[in-house]
PDB file of N, CA and C in Angstrom:
ATOM      1  N   MET A   1      15.240   6.679  -8.401  1.00  0.00           N
ATOM      2  CA  MET A   1      14.597   6.258  -7.176  1.00  0.00           C
ATOM      3  C   MET A   1      15.676   5.888  -6.159  1.00  0.00           C
ATOM      4  N   ALA A   2      15.417   6.190  -4.946  1.00  0.00           N
ATOM      5  CA  ALA A   2      16.374   5.940  -3.868  1.00  0.00           C
ATOM      6  C   ALA A   2      16.440   4.451  -3.507  1.00  0.00           C
ATOM      7  N   ASP A   3      17.458   4.072  -2.839  1.00  0.00           N
ATOM      8  CA  ASP A   3      17.563   2.707  -2.313  1.00  0.00           C
ATOM      9  C   ASP A   3      16.499   2.461  -1.282  1.00  0.00           C
ATOM     10  N   TRP A   4      16.155   1.182  -1.075  1.00  0.00           N
ATOM     11  CA  TRP A   4      15.206   0.852  -0.060  1.00  0.00           C
ATOM     12  C   TRP A   4      15.642  -0.353   0.731  1.00  0.00           C
ATOM     13  N   HIS A   5      15.011  -0.507   1.893  1.00  0.00           N
ATOM     14  CA  HIS A   5      15.241  -1.647   2.787  1.00  0.00           C
ATOM     15  C   HIS A   5      13.934  -2.132   3.311  1.00  0.00           C
ATOM     16  N   LYS A   6      13.894  -3.324   3.864  1.00  0.00           N
ATOM     17  CA  LYS A   6      12.695  -3.823   4.497  1.00  0.00           C
ATOM     18  C   LYS A   6      12.678  -3.463   5.966  1.00  0.00           C
ATOM     19  N   ASN A   7      11.479  -3.015   6.438  1.00  0.00           N
ATOM     20  CA  ASN A   7      11.373  -2.734   7.871  1.00  0.00           C
ATOM     21  C   ASN A   7      11.155  -4.033   8.627  1.00  0.00           C
ATOM     22  N   LYS A   8      10.929  -3.961   9.943  1.00  0.00           N
ATOM     23  CA  LYS A   8      10.751  -5.151  10.774  1.00  0.00           C
ATOM     24  C   LYS A   8       9.573  -6.012  10.350  1.00  0.00           C
ATOM     25  N   LYS A   9       8.561  -5.377   9.752  1.00  0.00           N
ATOM     26  CA  LYS A   9       7.354  -6.136   9.314  1.00  0.00           C
ATOM     27  C   LYS A   9       7.475  -6.654   7.883  1.00  0.00           C
ATOM     28  N   GLY A  10       8.603  -6.373   7.240  1.00  0.00           N
ATOM     29  CA  GLY A  10       8.822  -6.872   5.891  1.00  0.00           C
ATOM     30  C   GLY A  10       8.372  -5.940   4.778  1.00  0.00           C
ATOM     31  N   TYR A  11       7.964  -4.706   5.114  1.00  0.00           N
ATOM     32  CA  TYR A  11       7.555  -3.739   4.091  1.00  0.00           C
ATOM     33  C   TYR A  11       8.775  -2.959   3.588  1.00  0.00           C
ATOM     34  N   PRO A  12       8.894  -2.749   2.257  1.00  0.00           N
ATOM     35  CA  PRO A  12       9.972  -1.953   1.745  1.00  0.00           C
ATOM     36  C   PRO A  12       9.772  -0.483   2.092  1.00  0.00           C
ATOM     37  N   ARG A  13      10.861   0.175   2.526  1.00  0.00           N
ATOM     38  CA  ARG A  13      10.865   1.601   2.842  1.00  0.00           C
ATOM     39  C   ARG A  13      12.088   2.230   2.204  1.00  0.00           C
ATOM     40  N   PHE A  14      11.935   3.470   1.770  1.00  0.00           N
ATOM     41  CA  PHE A  14      13.061   4.182   1.215  1.00  0.00           C
ATOM     42  C   PHE A  14      14.087   4.444   2.286  1.00  0.00           C
ATOM     43  N   SER A  15      15.368   4.221   1.970  1.00  0.00           N
ATOM     44  CA  SER A  15      16.420   4.381   2.969  1.00  0.00           C
ATOM     45  C   SER A  15      16.598   5.830   3.382  1.00  0.00           C
ATOM     46  N   ASP A  16      16.409   6.766   2.422  1.00  0.00           N
ATOM     47  CA  ASP A  16      16.677   8.164   2.760  1.00  0.00           C
ATOM     48  C   ASP A  16      15.567   8.826   3.562  1.00  0.00           C
ATOM     49  N   SER A  17      14.310   8.485   3.319  1.00  0.00           N
ATOM     50  CA  SER A  17      13.212   9.189   3.981  1.00  0.00           C
ATOM     51  C   SER A  17      12.445   8.282   4.968  1.00  0.00           C
ATOM     52  N   GLY A  18      12.548   6.978   4.816  1.00  0.00           N
ATOM     53  CA  GLY A  18      11.805   6.037   5.663  1.00  0.00           C
ATOM     54  C   GLY A  18      10.372   5.833   5.205  1.00  0.00           C
ATOM     55  N   LYS A  19       9.954   6.524   4.124  1.00  0.00           N
ATOM     56  CA  LYS A  19       8.597   6.382   3.593  1.00  0.00           C
ATOM     57  C   LYS A  19       8.425   5.007   2.978  1.00  0.00           C
ATOM     58  N   SER A  20       7.214   4.420   3.166  1.00  0.00           N
ATOM     59  CA  SER A  20       7.009   3.119   2.580  1.00  0.00           C
ATOM     60  C   SER A  20       6.805   3.248   1.092  1.00  0.00           C
ATOM     61  N   VAL A  21       7.382   2.264   0.351  1.00  0.00           N
ATOM     62  CA  VAL A  21       7.376   2.291  -1.090  1.00  0.00           C
ATOM     63  C   VAL A  21       5.934   2.188  -1.626  1.00  0.00           C
ATOM     64  N   HIS A  22       5.108   1.316  -1.011  1.00  0.00           N
ATOM     65  CA  HIS A  22       3.756   1.142  -1.525  1.00  0.00           C
ATOM     66  C   HIS A  22       2.899   2.389  -1.346  1.00  0.00           C
ATOM     67  N   ARG A  23       3.100   3.143  -0.247  1.00  0.00           N
ATOM     68  CA  ARG A  23       2.339   4.390  -0.075  1.00  0.00           C
ATOM     69  C   ARG A  23       2.824   5.434  -1.056  1.00  0.00           C
ATOM     70  N   TRP A  24       4.128   5.486  -1.277  1.00  0.00           N
ATOM     71  CA  TRP A  24       4.651   6.432  -2.262  1.00  0.00           C
ATOM     72  C   TRP A  24       4.096   6.127  -3.652  1.00  0.00           C
ATOM     73  N   LYS A  25       4.078   4.861  -4.015  1.00  0.00           N
ATOM     74  CA  LYS A  25       3.582   4.428  -5.322  1.00  0.00           C
ATOM     75  C   LYS A  25       2.112   4.799  -5.471  1.00  0.00           C
ATOM     76  N   ALA A  26       1.311   4.591  -4.436  1.00  0.00           N
ATOM     77  CA  ALA A  26      -0.132   4.930  -4.516  1.00  0.00           C
ATOM     78  C   ALA A  26      -0.338   6.414  -4.653  1.00  0.00           C
ATOM     79  N   GLU A  27       0.433   7.236  -3.928  1.00  0.00           N
ATOM     80  CA  GLU A  27       0.326   8.684  -4.022  1.00  0.00           C
ATOM     81  C   GLU A  27       0.686   9.154  -5.439  1.00  0.00           C
ATOM     82  N   LYS A  28       1.679   8.558  -6.001  1.00  0.00           N
ATOM     83  CA  LYS A  28       2.084   8.912  -7.363  1.00  0.00           C
ATOM     84  C   LYS A  28       0.946   8.577  -8.348  1.00  0.00           C
ATOM     85  N   LYS A  29       0.332   7.393  -8.187  1.00  0.00           N
ATOM     86  CA  LYS A  29      -0.735   6.992  -9.088  1.00  0.00           C
ATOM     87  C   LYS A  29      -1.973   7.877  -8.904  1.00  0.00           C
ATOM     88  N   LEU A  30      -2.314   8.212  -7.641  1.00  0.00           N
ATOM     89  CA  LEU A  30      -3.491   9.029  -7.349  1.00  0.00           C
ATOM     90  C   LEU A  30      -3.279  10.504  -7.678  1.00  0.00           C
ATOM     91  N   GLY A  31      -2.014  10.933  -7.689  1.00  0.00           N
ATOM     92  CA  GLY A  31      -1.708  12.345  -7.940  1.00  0.00           C
ATOM     93  C   GLY A  31      -1.957  13.235  -6.713  1.00  0.00           C
ATOM     94  N   ARG A  32      -1.946  12.596  -5.552  1.00  0.00           N
ATOM     95  CA  ARG A  32      -2.122  13.356  -4.282  1.00  0.00           C
ATOM     96  C   ARG A  32      -1.536  12.532  -3.127  1.00  0.00           C
ATOM     97  N   LYS A  33      -1.345  13.175  -1.989  1.00  0.00           N
ATOM     98  CA  LYS A  33      -0.916  12.478  -0.809  1.00  0.00           C
ATOM     99  C   LYS A  33      -2.057  11.682  -0.244  1.00  0.00           C
ATOM    100  N   LEU A  34      -1.748  10.567   0.360  1.00  0.00           N
ATOM    101  CA  LEU A  34      -2.781   9.776   1.039  1.00  0.00           C
ATOM    102  C   LEU A  34      -3.284  10.544   2.248  1.00  0.00           C
ATOM    103  N   ARG A  35      -4.545  10.432   2.487  1.00  0.00           N
ATOM    104  CA  ARG A  35      -5.175  11.146   3.630  1.00  0.00           C
ATOM    105  C   ARG A  35      -4.935  10.367   4.910  1.00  0.00           C
ATOM    106  N   PRO A  36      -4.981  11.046   6.016  1.00  0.00           N
ATOM    107  CA  PRO A  36      -4.851  10.343   7.315  1.00  0.00           C
ATOM    108  C   PRO A  36      -5.955   9.270   7.402  1.00  0.00           C
ATOM    109  N   GLY A  37      -5.589   8.115   7.812  1.00  0.00           N
ATOM    110  CA  GLY A  37      -6.541   7.027   7.982  1.00  0.00           C
ATOM    111  C   GLY A  37      -6.665   6.115   6.750  1.00  0.00           C
ATOM    112  N   GLU A  38      -6.278   6.597   5.570  1.00  0.00           N
ATOM    113  CA  GLU A  38      -6.342   5.735   4.380  1.00  0.00           C
ATOM    114  C   GLU A  38      -5.328   4.583   4.557  1.00  0.00           C
ATOM    115  N   ALA A  39      -5.761   3.394   4.142  1.00  0.00           N
ATOM    116  CA  ALA A  39      -4.918   2.204   4.334  1.00  0.00           C
ATOM    117  C   ALA A  39      -4.610   1.566   2.990  1.00  0.00           C
ATOM    118  N   MET A  40      -3.408   1.114   2.847  1.00  0.00           N
ATOM    119  CA  MET A  40      -2.968   0.427   1.629  1.00  0.00           C
ATOM    120  C   MET A  40      -3.203  -1.068   1.771  1.00  0.00           C
ATOM    121  N   HIS A  41      -3.595  -1.665   0.684  1.00  0.00           N
ATOM    122  CA  HIS A  41      -3.841  -3.111   0.658  1.00  0.00           C
ATOM    123  C   HIS A  41      -3.093  -3.730  -0.512  1.00  0.00           C
ATOM    124  N   HIS A  42      -2.361  -4.797  -0.219  1.00  0.00           N
ATOM    125  CA  HIS A  42      -1.699  -5.596  -1.281  1.00  0.00           C
ATOM    126  C   HIS A  42      -2.653  -6.765  -1.618  1.00  0.00           C
ATOM    127  N   LYS A  43      -3.261  -6.737  -2.767  1.00  0.00           N
ATOM    128  CA  LYS A  43      -4.283  -7.718  -3.102  1.00  0.00           C
ATOM    129  C   LYS A  43      -3.752  -9.153  -3.036  1.00  0.00           C
ATOM    130  N   ASN A  44      -2.498  -9.368  -3.481  1.00  0.00           N
ATOM    131  CA  ASN A  44      -1.946 -10.724  -3.433  1.00  0.00           C
ATOM    132  C   ASN A  44      -1.212 -10.988  -2.091  1.00  0.00           C
ATOM    133  N   ARG A  45      -1.249 -10.058  -1.205  1.00  0.00           N
ATOM    134  CA  ARG A  45      -0.632 -10.131   0.137  1.00  0.00           C
ATOM    135  C   ARG A  45       0.883 -10.235   0.099  1.00  0.00           C
ATOM    136  N   ARG A  46       1.480  -9.939  -0.988  1.00  0.00           N
ATOM    137  CA  ARG A  46       2.936  -9.892  -1.089  1.00  0.00           C
ATOM    138  C   ARG A  46       3.406  -8.475  -0.804  1.00  0.00           C
ATOM    139  N   LYS A  47       4.050  -8.281   0.322  1.00  0.00           N
ATOM    140  CA  LYS A  47       4.472  -6.965   0.773  1.00  0.00           C
ATOM    141  C   LYS A  47       5.432  -6.258  -0.134  1.00  0.00           C
ATOM    142  N   THR A  48       6.154  -7.029  -0.957  1.00  0.00           N
ATOM    143  CA  THR A  48       7.136  -6.419  -1.856  1.00  0.00           C
ATOM    144  C   THR A  48       6.589  -6.189  -3.263  1.00  0.00           C
ATOM    145  N   ASP A  49       5.322  -6.510  -3.508  1.00  0.00           N
ATOM    146  CA  ASP A  49       4.720  -6.326  -4.820  1.00  0.00           C
ATOM    147  C   ASP A  49       3.891  -5.041  -4.743  1.00  0.00           C
ATOM    148  N   TYR A  50       4.516  -3.942  -5.145  1.00  0.00           N
ATOM    149  CA  TYR A  50       3.843  -2.653  -5.125  1.00  0.00           C
ATOM    150  C   TYR A  50       3.500  -2.152  -6.528  1.00  0.00           C
ATOM    151  N   SER A  51       3.132  -3.075  -7.371  1.00  0.00           N
ATOM    152  CA  SER A  51       2.682  -2.747  -8.719  1.00  0.00           C
ATOM    153  C   SER A  51       1.266  -2.133  -8.661  1.00  0.00           C
ATOM    154  N   ASP A  52       0.944  -1.314  -9.640  1.00  0.00           N
ATOM    155  CA  ASP A  52      -0.371  -0.636  -9.659  1.00  0.00           C
ATOM    156  C   ASP A  52      -1.502  -1.631  -9.538  1.00  0.00           C
ATOM    157  N   LYS A  53      -1.413  -2.752 -10.252  1.00  0.00           N
ATOM    158  CA  LYS A  53      -2.524  -3.704 -10.238  1.00  0.00           C
ATOM    159  C   LYS A  53      -2.639  -4.451  -8.926  1.00  0.00           C
ATOM    160  N   ASN A  54      -1.656  -4.379  -8.068  1.00  0.00           N
ATOM    161  CA  ASN A  54      -1.713  -5.098  -6.799  1.00  0.00           C
ATOM    162  C   ASN A  54      -2.119  -4.214  -5.636  1.00  0.00           C
ATOM    163  N   LEU A  55      -2.125  -2.888  -5.817  1.00  0.00           N
ATOM    164  CA  LEU A  55      -2.397  -1.979  -4.704  1.00  0.00           C
ATOM    165  C   LEU A  55      -3.836  -1.472  -4.729  1.00  0.00           C
ATOM    166  N   HIS A  56      -4.442  -1.398  -3.566  1.00  0.00           N
ATOM    167  CA  HIS A  56      -5.770  -0.764  -3.431  1.00  0.00           C
ATOM    168  C   HIS A  56      -5.741   0.130  -2.206  1.00  0.00           C
ATOM    169  N   VAL A  57      -6.376   1.281  -2.310  1.00  0.00           N
ATOM    170  CA  VAL A  57      -6.443   2.208  -1.192  1.00  0.00           C
ATOM    171  C   VAL A  57      -7.845   2.106  -0.548  1.00  0.00           C
ATOM    172  N   PHE A  58      -7.850   1.813   0.733  1.00  0.00           N
ATOM    173  CA  PHE A  58      -9.101   1.798   1.480  1.00  0.00           C
ATOM    174  C   PHE A  58      -9.240   3.114   2.184  1.00  0.00           C
ATOM    175  N   GLY A  59     -10.486   3.578   2.356  1.00  0.00           N
ATOM    176  CA  GLY A  59     -10.758   4.841   3.015  1.00  0.00           C
ATOM    177  C   GLY A  59     -10.455   4.816   4.520  1.00  0.00           C
ATOM    178  N   SER A  60     -10.409   3.646   5.080  1.00  0.00           N
ATOM    179  CA  SER A  60     -10.092   3.521   6.502  1.00  0.00           C
ATOM    180  C   SER A  60      -9.425   2.191   6.794  1.00  0.00           C
ATOM    181  N   GLN A  61      -8.733   2.115   7.908  1.00  0.00           N
ATOM    182  CA  GLN A  61      -8.106   0.875   8.298  1.00  0.00           C
ATOM    183  C   GLN A  61      -9.162  -0.149   8.666  1.00  0.00           C
ATOM    184  N   LYS A  62     -10.308   0.285   9.148  1.00  0.00           N
ATOM    185  CA  LYS A  62     -11.423  -0.630   9.498  1.00  0.00           C
ATOM    186  C   LYS A  62     -11.895  -1.362   8.242  1.00  0.00           C
ATOM    187  N   LYS A  63     -12.088  -0.639   7.150  1.00  0.00           N
ATOM    188  CA  LYS A  63     -12.510  -1.295   5.892  1.00  0.00           C
ATOM    189  C   LYS A  63     -11.418  -2.271   5.390  1.00  0.00           C
ATOM    190  N   HIS A  64     -10.176  -1.882   5.566  1.00  0.00           N
ATOM    191  CA  HIS A  64      -9.064  -2.743   5.146  1.00  0.00           C
ATOM    192  C   HIS A  64      -9.099  -4.043   5.926  1.00  0.00           C
ATOM    193  N   TRP A  65      -9.184  -3.965   7.260  1.00  0.00           N
ATOM    194  CA  TRP A  65      -9.190  -5.190   8.079  1.00  0.00           C
ATOM    195  C   TRP A  65     -10.426  -6.009   7.800  1.00  0.00           C
ATOM    196  N   ARG A  66     -11.566  -5.375   7.505  1.00  0.00           N
ATOM    197  CA  ARG A  66     -12.782  -6.078   7.172  1.00  0.00           C
ATOM    198  C   ARG A  66     -12.572  -6.957   5.936  1.00  0.00           C
ATOM    199  N   ALA A  67     -11.902  -6.407   4.928  1.00  0.00           N
ATOM    200  CA  ALA A  67     -11.622  -7.147   3.724  1.00  0.00           C
ATOM    201  C   ALA A  67     -10.719  -8.336   4.016  1.00  0.00           C
ATOM    202  N   HIS A  68      -9.748  -8.173   4.886  1.00  0.00           N
ATOM    203  CA  HIS A  68      -8.893  -9.300   5.244  1.00  0.00           C
ATOM    204  C   HIS A  68      -9.684 -10.352   6.007  1.00  0.00           C
ATOM    205  N   LYS A  69     -10.526  -9.909   6.914  1.00  0.00           N
ATOM    206  CA  LYS A  69     -11.314 -10.845   7.732  1.00  0.00           C
ATOM    207  C   LYS A  69     -12.246 -11.687   6.860  1.00  0.00           C
ATOM    208  N   LYS A  70     -12.855 -11.070   5.848  1.00  0.00           N
ATOM    209  CA  LYS A  70     -13.786 -11.784   4.965  1.00  0.00           C
ATOM    210  C   LYS A  70     -13.018 -12.554   3.896  1.00  0.00           C
ATOM    211  N   GLY A  71     -11.707 -12.369   3.804  1.00  0.00           N
ATOM    212  CA  GLY A  71     -10.962 -13.071   2.802  1.00  0.00           C
ATOM    213  C   GLY A  71     -11.184 -12.517   1.394  1.00  0.00           C
ATOM    214  N   GLN A  72     -11.619 -11.288   1.311  1.00  0.00           N
ATOM    215  CA  GLN A  72     -11.903 -10.690   0.009  1.00  0.00           C
ATOM    216  C   GLN A  72     -10.595 -10.305  -0.644  1.00  0.00           C
ATOM    217  N   TYR A  73     -10.474 -10.508  -1.938  1.00  0.00           N
ATOM    218  CA  TYR A  73      -9.350 -10.037  -2.705  1.00  0.00           C
ATOM    219  C   TYR A  73      -9.898  -9.154  -3.770  1.00  0.00           C
ATOM    220  N   LEU A  74      -9.896  -7.860  -3.516  1.00  0.00           N
ATOM    221  CA  LEU A  74     -10.500  -6.894  -4.425  1.00  0.00           C
ATOM    222  C   LEU A  74      -9.598  -6.653  -5.631  1.00  0.00           C
ATOM    223  N   TYR A  75     -10.213  -6.629  -6.777  1.00  0.00           N
ATOM    224  CA  TYR A  75      -9.443  -6.385  -8.017  1.00  0.00           C
ATOM    225  C   TYR A  75      -9.818  -4.998  -8.531  1.00  0.00           C
ATOM    226  N   ILE A  76      -9.527  -4.008  -7.684  1.00  0.00           N
ATOM    227  CA  ILE A  76      -9.824  -2.629  -8.019  1.00  0.00           C
ATOM    228  C   ILE A  76      -8.476  -1.935  -8.169  1.00  0.00           C
ATOM    229  N   LEU A  77      -8.233  -1.296  -9.279  1.00  0.00           N
ATOM    230  CA  LEU A  77      -6.987  -0.563  -9.495  1.00  0.00           C
ATOM    231  C   LEU A  77      -6.959   0.699  -8.675  1.00  0.00           C
ATOM    232  N   VAL A  78      -5.809   1.109  -8.232  1.00  0.00           N
ATOM    233  CA  VAL A  78      -5.679   2.405  -7.569  1.00  0.00           C
ATOM    234  C   VAL A  78      -6.039   3.438  -8.611  1.00  0.00           C
ATOM    235  N   ARG A  79      -6.984   4.258  -8.266  1.00  0.00           N
ATOM    236  CA  ARG A  79      -7.459   5.273  -9.269  1.00  0.00           C
ATOM    237  C   ARG A  79      -6.735   6.565  -9.055  1.00  0.00           C
TER     238      ARG A  79
END
């Protein structure tokens, strides 16, 4: 795996490609590229915790923000 750095918002990104580590991890788990509009969610809100059990893919950014607004912490594994 390549080296990574944190971007201005604190999210880890690969140094060579600039791709976010959590999106790469989700794509690897799903076995496909994330679709346009799909949003990644860190259940424990730790930006550097990109473990499978901490990541959830929402179908849209709207659904992602709704979960944050309601204070929901979904315990759904990335499938």
